[in-house]
Amino acid sequence: MAKAPAAVDGYQIVKLPNANVPNFQRRTVFCPTGKKVIAGGAEAQGNGAVLVGSVPTDDGRGWIGLGRQDGYSSVGVSVYAICASV
């Protein structure tokens, strides 16, 4: 019989909704106090939009997303952090 996976304590998804920002400008979403990021992601939106980066912050408290859009000076970027009590 397979063992059920352990629950992740304090699991929470935090979202930074889509907003237009200048090309290559970082957008960062942070976990609530007492939680660390365990995964995350980002999305670049718009015609010719390209996601340039999607990485955790150096301190492990959040997630960074950045993008660019061909032919435009700005791009829509959404960022997500999956947080947990660790």
PDB file of N, CA and C in Angstrom:
ATOM      1  N   MET A   1       0.845  -1.182   0.000  1.00  0.00           N
ATOM      2  CA  MET A   1       0.000   0.000   0.000  1.00  0.00           C
ATOM      3  C   MET A   1       0.889   1.244   0.000  1.00  0.00           C
ATOM      4  N   ALA A   2       0.597   2.189  -0.899  1.00  0.00           N
ATOM      5  CA  ALA A   2       1.398   3.405  -1.012  1.00  0.00           C
ATOM      6  C   ALA A   2       1.110   4.337   0.162  1.00  0.00           C
ATOM      7  N   LYS A   3       2.170   4.947   0.638  1.00  0.00           N
ATOM      8  CA  LYS A   3       2.038   5.896   1.740  1.00  0.00           C
ATOM      9  C   LYS A   3       1.603   7.248   1.176  1.00  0.00           C
ATOM     10  N   ALA A   4       0.648   7.901   1.819  1.00  0.00           N
ATOM     11  CA  ALA A   4       0.180   9.221   1.388  1.00  0.00           C
ATOM     12  C   ALA A   4       1.290  10.245   1.597  1.00  0.00           C
ATOM     13  N   PRO A   5       1.442  11.195   0.658  1.00  0.00           N
ATOM     14  CA  PRO A   5       2.469  12.214   0.832  1.00  0.00           C
ATOM     15  C   PRO A   5       2.178  13.109   2.033  1.00  0.00           C
ATOM     16  N   ALA A   6       3.226  13.578   2.648  1.00  0.00           N
ATOM     17  CA  ALA A   6       3.079  14.467   3.804  1.00  0.00           C
ATOM     18  C   ALA A   6       2.522  15.813   3.343  1.00  0.00           C
ATOM     19  N   ALA A   7       1.687  16.414   4.147  1.00  0.00           N
ATOM     20  CA  ALA A   7       1.147  17.735   3.850  1.00  0.00           C
ATOM     21  C   ALA A   7       2.247  18.769   4.031  1.00  0.00           C
ATOM     22  N   VAL A   8       2.169  19.817   3.266  1.00  0.00           N
ATOM     23  CA  VAL A   8       3.130  20.911   3.393  1.00  0.00           C
ATOM     24  C   VAL A   8       2.537  21.923   4.360  1.00  0.00           C
ATOM     25  N   ASP A   9       3.216  22.152   5.468  1.00  0.00           N
ATOM     26  CA  ASP A   9       2.718  23.027   6.515  1.00  0.00           C
ATOM     27  C   ASP A   9       2.663  24.474   6.032  1.00  0.00           C
ATOM     28  N   GLY A  10       1.516  25.097   6.145  1.00  0.00           N
ATOM     29  CA  GLY A  10       1.363  26.505   5.805  1.00  0.00           C
ATOM     30  C   GLY A  10       1.372  26.801   4.324  1.00  0.00           C
ATOM     31  N   TYR A  11       1.073  25.812   3.479  1.00  0.00           N
ATOM     32  CA  TYR A  11       1.071  25.982   2.030  1.00  0.00           C
ATOM     33  C   TYR A  11       0.184  27.149   1.619  1.00  0.00           C
ATOM     34  N   GLN A  12       0.716  28.015   0.751  1.00  0.00           N
ATOM     35  CA  GLN A  12      -0.038  29.185   0.310  1.00  0.00           C
ATOM     36  C   GLN A  12       0.527  29.674  -1.017  1.00  0.00           C
ATOM     37  N   ILE A  13      -0.351  30.046  -1.950  1.00  0.00           N
ATOM     38  CA  ILE A  13       0.083  30.658  -3.203  1.00  0.00           C
ATOM     39  C   ILE A  13      -0.170  32.155  -3.101  1.00  0.00           C
ATOM     40  N   VAL A  14       0.860  32.941  -3.385  1.00  0.00           N
ATOM     41  CA  VAL A  14       0.761  34.397  -3.351  1.00  0.00           C
ATOM     42  C   VAL A  14       0.965  34.892  -4.779  1.00  0.00           C
ATOM     43  N   LYS A  15       0.079  35.779  -5.252  1.00  0.00           N
ATOM     44  CA  LYS A  15       0.119  36.238  -6.641  1.00  0.00           C
ATOM     45  C   LYS A  15       0.306  37.751  -6.711  1.00  0.00           C
ATOM     46  N   LEU A  16       1.176  38.165  -7.617  1.00  0.00           N
ATOM     47  CA  LEU A  16       1.309  39.572  -7.979  1.00  0.00           C
ATOM     48  C   LEU A  16       0.634  39.688  -9.343  1.00  0.00           C
ATOM     49  N   PRO A  17      -0.580  40.254  -9.404  1.00  0.00           N
ATOM     50  CA  PRO A  17      -1.351  40.263 -10.647  1.00  0.00           C
ATOM     51  C   PRO A  17      -0.628  40.986 -11.780  1.00  0.00           C
ATOM     52  N   ASN A  18      -1.075  40.691 -12.992  1.00  0.00           N
ATOM     53  CA  ASN A  18      -0.486  41.289 -14.181  1.00  0.00           C
ATOM     54  C   ASN A  18      -0.468  42.812 -14.098  1.00  0.00           C
ATOM     55  N   ALA A  19       0.664  43.392 -14.465  1.00  0.00           N
ATOM     56  CA  ALA A  19       0.802  44.842 -14.563  1.00  0.00           C
ATOM     57  C   ALA A  19       1.835  45.135 -15.637  1.00  0.00           C
ATOM     58  N   ASN A  20       1.612  46.200 -16.378  1.00  0.00           N
ATOM     59  CA  ASN A  20       2.593  46.616 -17.385  1.00  0.00           C
ATOM     60  C   ASN A  20       3.737  47.343 -16.708  1.00  0.00           C
ATOM     61  N   VAL A  21       4.941  46.920 -17.025  1.00  0.00           N
ATOM     62  CA  VAL A  21       6.159  47.535 -16.488  1.00  0.00           C
ATOM     63  C   VAL A  21       7.143  47.694 -17.637  1.00  0.00           C
ATOM     64  N   PRO A  22       8.133  48.568 -17.487  1.00  0.00           N
ATOM     65  CA  PRO A  22       9.146  48.692 -18.539  1.00  0.00           C
ATOM     66  C   PRO A  22       9.846  47.362 -18.795  1.00  0.00           C
ATOM     67  N   ASN A  23      10.234  47.136 -20.051  1.00  0.00           N
ATOM     68  CA  ASN A  23      10.973  45.926 -20.393  1.00  0.00           C
ATOM     69  C   ASN A  23      12.139  45.720 -19.436  1.00  0.00           C
ATOM     70  N   PHE A  24      12.330  44.491 -19.010  1.00  0.00           N
ATOM     71  CA  PHE A  24      13.420  44.042 -18.136  1.00  0.00           C
ATOM     72  C   PHE A  24      13.311  44.527 -16.694  1.00  0.00           C
ATOM     73  N   GLN A  25      12.215  45.201 -16.313  1.00  0.00           N
ATOM     74  CA  GLN A  25      12.042  45.604 -14.914  1.00  0.00           C
ATOM     75  C   GLN A  25      11.590  44.401 -14.105  1.00  0.00           C
ATOM     76  N   ARG A  26      12.253  44.174 -12.984  1.00  0.00           N
ATOM     77  CA  ARG A  26      11.898  43.056 -12.104  1.00  0.00           C
ATOM     78  C   ARG A  26      10.614  43.346 -11.355  1.00  0.00           C
ATOM     79  N   ARG A  27       9.775  42.306 -11.223  1.00  0.00           N
ATOM     80  CA  ARG A  27       8.612  42.362 -10.334  1.00  0.00           C
ATOM     81  C   ARG A  27       8.810  41.264  -9.315  1.00  0.00           C
ATOM     82  N   THR A  28       8.605  41.587  -8.049  1.00  0.00           N
ATOM     83  CA  THR A  28       8.871  40.627  -6.982  1.00  0.00           C
ATOM     84  C   THR A  28       7.659  40.492  -6.080  1.00  0.00           C
ATOM     85  N   VAL A  29       7.311  39.235  -5.781  1.00  0.00           N
ATOM     86  CA  VAL A  29       6.246  38.939  -4.827  1.00  0.00           C
ATOM     87  C   VAL A  29       6.894  38.227  -3.645  1.00  0.00           C
ATOM     88  N   PHE A  30       6.454  38.559  -2.431  1.00  0.00           N
ATOM     89  CA  PHE A  30       7.041  37.990  -1.227  1.00  0.00           C
ATOM     90  C   PHE A  30       6.038  37.120  -0.476  1.00  0.00           C
ATOM     91  N   CYS A  31       6.557  36.103   0.187  1.00  0.00           N
ATOM     92  CA  CYS A  31       5.756  35.256   1.062  1.00  0.00           C
ATOM     93  C   CYS A  31       5.418  36.034   2.337  1.00  0.00           C
ATOM     94  N   PRO A  32       4.317  35.658   2.993  1.00  0.00           N
ATOM     95  CA  PRO A  32       3.999  36.285   4.273  1.00  0.00           C
ATOM     96  C   PRO A  32       5.106  36.015   5.302  1.00  0.00           C
ATOM     97  N   THR A  33       5.181  36.849   6.302  1.00  0.00           N
ATOM     98  CA  THR A  33       6.168  36.702   7.362  1.00  0.00           C
ATOM     99  C   THR A  33       6.120  35.292   7.954  1.00  0.00           C
ATOM    100  N   GLY A  34       7.291  34.695   8.125  1.00  0.00           N
ATOM    101  CA  GLY A  34       7.398  33.362   8.711  1.00  0.00           C
ATOM    102  C   GLY A  34       7.357  32.236   7.695  1.00  0.00           C
ATOM    103  N   LYS A  35       7.152  32.567   6.416  1.00  0.00           N
ATOM    104  CA  LYS A  35       7.122  31.540   5.374  1.00  0.00           C
ATOM    105  C   LYS A  35       8.259  31.761   4.378  1.00  0.00           C
ATOM    106  N   LYS A  36       8.645  30.692   3.708  1.00  0.00           N
ATOM    107  CA  LYS A  36       9.680  30.730   2.671  1.00  0.00           C
ATOM    108  C   LYS A  36       9.087  30.237   1.363  1.00  0.00           C
ATOM    109  N   VAL A  37       9.664  30.675   0.272  1.00  0.00           N
ATOM    110  CA  VAL A  37       9.219  30.232  -1.040  1.00  0.00           C
ATOM    111  C   VAL A  37       9.756  28.817  -1.300  1.00  0.00           C
ATOM    112  N   ILE A  38       8.886  27.935  -1.780  1.00  0.00           N
ATOM    113  CA  ILE A  38       9.333  26.581  -2.127  1.00  0.00           C
ATOM    114  C   ILE A  38       9.254  26.354  -3.636  1.00  0.00           C
ATOM    115  N   ALA A  39       8.583  27.255  -4.347  1.00  0.00           N
ATOM    116  CA  ALA A  39       8.502  27.216  -5.810  1.00  0.00           C
ATOM    117  C   ALA A  39       7.852  28.514  -6.260  1.00  0.00           C
ATOM    118  N   GLY A  40       7.836  28.735  -7.549  1.00  0.00           N
ATOM    119  CA  GLY A  40       7.208  29.938  -8.066  1.00  0.00           C
ATOM    120  C   GLY A  40       7.231  29.961  -9.568  1.00  0.00           C
ATOM    121  N   GLY A  41       6.747  31.052 -10.126  1.00  0.00           N
ATOM    122  CA  GLY A  41       6.732  31.197 -11.565  1.00  0.00           C
ATOM    123  C   GLY A  41       6.316  32.596 -11.950  1.00  0.00           C
ATOM    124  N   ALA A  42       6.410  32.865 -13.252  1.00  0.00           N
ATOM    125  CA  ALA A  42       6.034  34.166 -13.768  1.00  0.00           C
ATOM    126  C   ALA A  42       5.493  33.999 -15.175  1.00  0.00           C
ATOM    127  N   GLU A  43       4.761  35.009 -15.638  1.00  0.00           N
ATOM    128  CA  GLU A  43       4.184  34.991 -16.970  1.00  0.00           C
ATOM    129  C   GLU A  43       4.350  36.369 -17.586  1.00  0.00           C
ATOM    130  N   ALA A  44       4.824  36.408 -18.831  1.00  0.00           N
ATOM    131  CA  ALA A  44       4.906  37.649 -19.598  1.00  0.00           C
ATOM    132  C   ALA A  44       3.738  37.666 -20.569  1.00  0.00           C
ATOM    133  N   GLN A  45       3.013  38.786 -20.628  1.00  0.00           N
ATOM    134  CA  GLN A  45       1.813  38.877 -21.453  1.00  0.00           C
ATOM    135  C   GLN A  45       1.903  40.030 -22.430  1.00  0.00           C
ATOM    136  N   GLY A  46       1.436  39.782 -23.645  1.00  0.00           N
ATOM    137  CA  GLY A  46       1.408  40.804 -24.687  1.00  0.00           C
ATOM    138  C   GLY A  46       1.899  40.223 -26.001  1.00  0.00           C
ATOM    139  N   ASN A  47       1.629  40.938 -27.096  1.00  0.00           N
ATOM    140  CA  ASN A  47       2.096  40.495 -28.410  1.00  0.00           C
ATOM    141  C   ASN A  47       3.617  40.500 -28.442  1.00  0.00           C
ATOM    142  N   GLY A  48       4.217  39.380 -28.725  1.00  0.00           N
ATOM    143  CA  GLY A  48       5.679  39.288 -28.762  1.00  0.00           C
ATOM    144  C   GLY A  48       6.321  39.319 -27.389  1.00  0.00           C
ATOM    145  N   ALA A  49       5.544  39.032 -26.333  1.00  0.00           N
ATOM    146  CA  ALA A  49       6.095  39.045 -24.972  1.00  0.00           C
ATOM    147  C   ALA A  49       6.975  37.816 -24.751  1.00  0.00           C
ATOM    148  N   VAL A  50       8.082  38.039 -24.054  1.00  0.00           N
ATOM    149  CA  VAL A  50       9.027  36.970 -23.742  1.00  0.00           C
ATOM    150  C   VAL A  50       9.351  37.039 -22.253  1.00  0.00           C
ATOM    151  N   LEU A  51       9.225  35.906 -21.562  1.00  0.00           N
ATOM    152  CA  LEU A  51       9.631  35.839 -20.159  1.00  0.00           C
ATOM    153  C   LEU A  51      11.152  35.714 -20.139  1.00  0.00           C
ATOM    154  N   VAL A  52      11.814  36.669 -19.524  1.00  0.00           N
ATOM    155  CA  VAL A  52      13.277  36.711 -19.504  1.00  0.00           C
ATOM    156  C   VAL A  52      13.834  36.015 -18.264  1.00  0.00           C
ATOM    157  N   GLY A  53      13.123  36.112 -17.138  1.00  0.00           N
ATOM    158  CA  GLY A  53      13.609  35.495 -15.912  1.00  0.00           C
ATOM    159  C   GLY A  53      12.477  35.139 -14.973  1.00  0.00           C
ATOM    160  N   SER A  54      12.677  34.052 -14.259  1.00  0.00           N
ATOM    161  CA  SER A  54      11.729  33.590 -13.243  1.00  0.00           C
ATOM    162  C   SER A  54      12.551  32.823 -12.220  1.00  0.00           C
ATOM    163  N   VAL A  55      12.902  33.509 -11.111  1.00  0.00           N
ATOM    164  CA  VAL A  55      13.846  32.960 -10.133  1.00  0.00           C
ATOM    165  C   VAL A  55      13.434  33.331  -8.711  1.00  0.00           C
ATOM    166  N   PRO A  56      13.874  32.531  -7.731  1.00  0.00           N
ATOM    167  CA  PRO A  56      13.616  32.904  -6.334  1.00  0.00           C
ATOM    168  C   PRO A  56      14.506  34.076  -5.918  1.00  0.00           C
ATOM    169  N   THR A  57      14.065  34.827  -4.910  1.00  0.00           N
ATOM    170  CA  THR A  57      14.914  35.878  -4.359  1.00  0.00           C
ATOM    171  C   THR A  57      16.095  35.225  -3.643  1.00  0.00           C
ATOM    172  N   ASP A  58      17.178  35.956  -3.496  1.00  0.00           N
ATOM    173  CA  ASP A  58      18.376  35.414  -2.849  1.00  0.00           C
ATOM    174  C   ASP A  58      18.118  34.969  -1.410  1.00  0.00           C
ATOM    175  N   ASP A  59      17.199  35.657  -0.731  1.00  0.00           N
ATOM    176  CA  ASP A  59      16.929  35.316   0.675  1.00  0.00           C
ATOM    177  C   ASP A  59      15.858  34.230   0.846  1.00  0.00           C
ATOM    178  N   GLY A  60      15.285  33.732  -0.268  1.00  0.00           N
ATOM    179  CA  GLY A  60      14.301  32.670  -0.200  1.00  0.00           C
ATOM    180  C   GLY A  60      12.931  33.087   0.295  1.00  0.00           C
ATOM    181  N   ARG A  61      12.668  34.405   0.329  1.00  0.00           N
ATOM    182  CA  ARG A  61      11.374  34.885   0.829  1.00  0.00           C
ATOM    183  C   ARG A  61      10.379  35.196  -0.272  1.00  0.00           C
ATOM    184  N   GLY A  62      10.803  35.115  -1.555  1.00  0.00           N
ATOM    185  CA  GLY A  62       9.887  35.483  -2.623  1.00  0.00           C
ATOM    186  C   GLY A  62      10.342  35.008  -3.984  1.00  0.00           C
ATOM    187  N   TRP A  63       9.653  35.507  -5.010  1.00  0.00           N
ATOM    188  CA  TRP A  63       9.919  35.110  -6.394  1.00  0.00           C
ATOM    189  C   TRP A  63       9.989  36.352  -7.278  1.00  0.00           C
ATOM    190  N   ILE A  64      10.894  36.334  -8.255  1.00  0.00           N
ATOM    191  CA  ILE A  64      11.128  37.452  -9.173  1.00  0.00           C
ATOM    192  C   ILE A  64      10.740  37.028 -10.583  1.00  0.00           C
ATOM    193  N   GLY A  65      10.061  37.910 -11.305  1.00  0.00           N
ATOM    194  CA  GLY A  65       9.760  37.691 -12.709  1.00  0.00           C
ATOM    195  C   GLY A  65      10.105  38.930 -13.506  1.00  0.00           C
ATOM    196  N   LEU A  66      10.607  38.755 -14.721  1.00  0.00           N
ATOM    197  CA  LEU A  66      10.849  39.875 -15.606  1.00  0.00           C
ATOM    198  C   LEU A  66      10.704  39.433 -17.047  1.00  0.00           C
ATOM    199  N   GLY A  67      10.326  40.377 -17.891  1.00  0.00           N
ATOM    200  CA  GLY A  67      10.105  40.054 -19.289  1.00  0.00           C
ATOM    201  C   GLY A  67      10.373  41.244 -20.182  1.00  0.00           C
ATOM    202  N   ARG A  68      10.127  41.011 -21.471  1.00  0.00           N
ATOM    203  CA  ARG A  68      10.243  42.073 -22.470  1.00  0.00           C
ATOM    204  C   ARG A  68       9.209  41.810 -23.548  1.00  0.00           C
ATOM    205  N   GLN A  69       8.903  42.827 -24.326  1.00  0.00           N
ATOM    206  CA  GLN A  69       7.928  42.688 -25.399  1.00  0.00           C
ATOM    207  C   GLN A  69       8.494  43.326 -26.659  1.00  0.00           C
ATOM    208  N   ASP A  70       8.642  42.521 -27.710  1.00  0.00           N
ATOM    209  CA  ASP A  70       9.176  43.013 -28.982  1.00  0.00           C
ATOM    210  C   ASP A  70       8.321  44.151 -29.528  1.00  0.00           C
ATOM    211  N   GLY A  71       8.966  45.239 -29.905  1.00  0.00           N
ATOM    212  CA  GLY A  71       8.277  46.364 -30.512  1.00  0.00           C
ATOM    213  C   GLY A  71       7.590  47.304 -29.538  1.00  0.00           C
ATOM    214  N   TYR A  72       7.718  47.053 -28.253  1.00  0.00           N
ATOM    215  CA  TYR A  72       7.088  47.893 -27.231  1.00  0.00           C
ATOM    216  C   TYR A  72       8.106  48.192 -26.131  1.00  0.00           C
ATOM    217  N   SER A  73       7.855  49.250 -25.374  1.00  0.00           N
ATOM    218  CA  SER A  73       8.776  49.594 -24.282  1.00  0.00           C
ATOM    219  C   SER A  73       8.349  48.994 -22.954  1.00  0.00           C
ATOM    220  N   SER A  74       7.178  48.335 -22.931  1.00  0.00           N
ATOM    221  CA  SER A  74       6.696  47.733 -21.692  1.00  0.00           C
ATOM    222  C   SER A  74       6.131  46.346 -21.975  1.00  0.00           C
ATOM    223  N   VAL A  75       5.904  45.609 -20.891  1.00  0.00           N
ATOM    224  CA  VAL A  75       5.390  44.245 -20.982  1.00  0.00           C
ATOM    225  C   VAL A  75       4.530  43.962 -19.746  1.00  0.00           C
ATOM    226  N   GLY A  76       3.513  43.135 -19.907  1.00  0.00           N
ATOM    227  CA  GLY A  76       2.708  42.704 -18.770  1.00  0.00           C
ATOM    228  C   GLY A  76       3.387  41.528 -18.083  1.00  0.00           C
ATOM    229  N   VAL A  77       3.557  41.608 -16.764  1.00  0.00           N
ATOM    230  CA  VAL A  77       4.212  40.526 -16.021  1.00  0.00           C
ATOM    231  C   VAL A  77       3.385  40.189 -14.782  1.00  0.00           C
ATOM    232  N   SER A  78       3.114  38.885 -14.593  1.00  0.00           N
ATOM    233  CA  SER A  78       2.493  38.355 -13.377  1.00  0.00           C
ATOM    234  C   SER A  78       3.523  37.480 -12.693  1.00  0.00           C
ATOM    235  N   VAL A  79       3.509  37.443 -11.359  1.00  0.00           N
ATOM    236  CA  VAL A  79       4.477  36.631 -10.624  1.00  0.00           C
ATOM    237  C   VAL A  79       3.737  35.862  -9.526  1.00  0.00           C
ATOM    238  N   TYR A  80       4.147  34.602  -9.309  1.00  0.00           N
ATOM    239  CA  TYR A  80       3.517  33.730  -8.334  1.00  0.00           C
ATOM    240  C   TYR A  80       4.584  33.142  -7.420  1.00  0.00           C
ATOM    241  N   ALA A  81       4.278  33.044  -6.151  1.00  0.00           N
ATOM    242  CA  ALA A  81       5.175  32.369  -5.198  1.00  0.00           C
ATOM    243  C   ALA A  81       4.373  31.306  -4.467  1.00  0.00           C
ATOM    244  N   ILE A  82       4.938  30.122  -4.382  1.00  0.00           N
ATOM    245  CA  ILE A  82       4.330  29.057  -3.588  1.00  0.00           C
ATOM    246  C   ILE A  82       5.116  29.035  -2.280  1.00  0.00           C
ATOM    247  N   CYS A  83       4.424  29.307  -1.212  1.00  0.00           N
ATOM    248  CA  CYS A  83       5.070  29.510   0.092  1.00  0.00           C
ATOM    249  C   CYS A  83       4.672  28.406   1.073  1.00  0.00           C
ATOM    250  N   ALA A  84       5.525  28.205   2.065  1.00  0.00           N
ATOM    251  CA  ALA A  84       5.240  27.231   3.118  1.00  0.00           C
ATOM    252  C   ALA A  84       5.995  27.617   4.371  1.00  0.00           C
ATOM    253  N   SER A  85       5.521  27.096   5.493  1.00  0.00           N
ATOM    254  CA  SER A  85       6.230  27.265   6.762  1.00  0.00           C
ATOM    255  C   SER A  85       7.341  26.225   6.787  1.00  0.00           C
ATOM    256  N   VAL A  86       8.561  26.679   6.809  1.00  0.00           N
ATOM    257  CA  VAL A  86       9.711  25.739   6.795  1.00  0.00           C
ATOM    258  C   VAL A  86      10.670  26.060   7.919  1.00  0.00           C
TER     259      VAL A  86
END
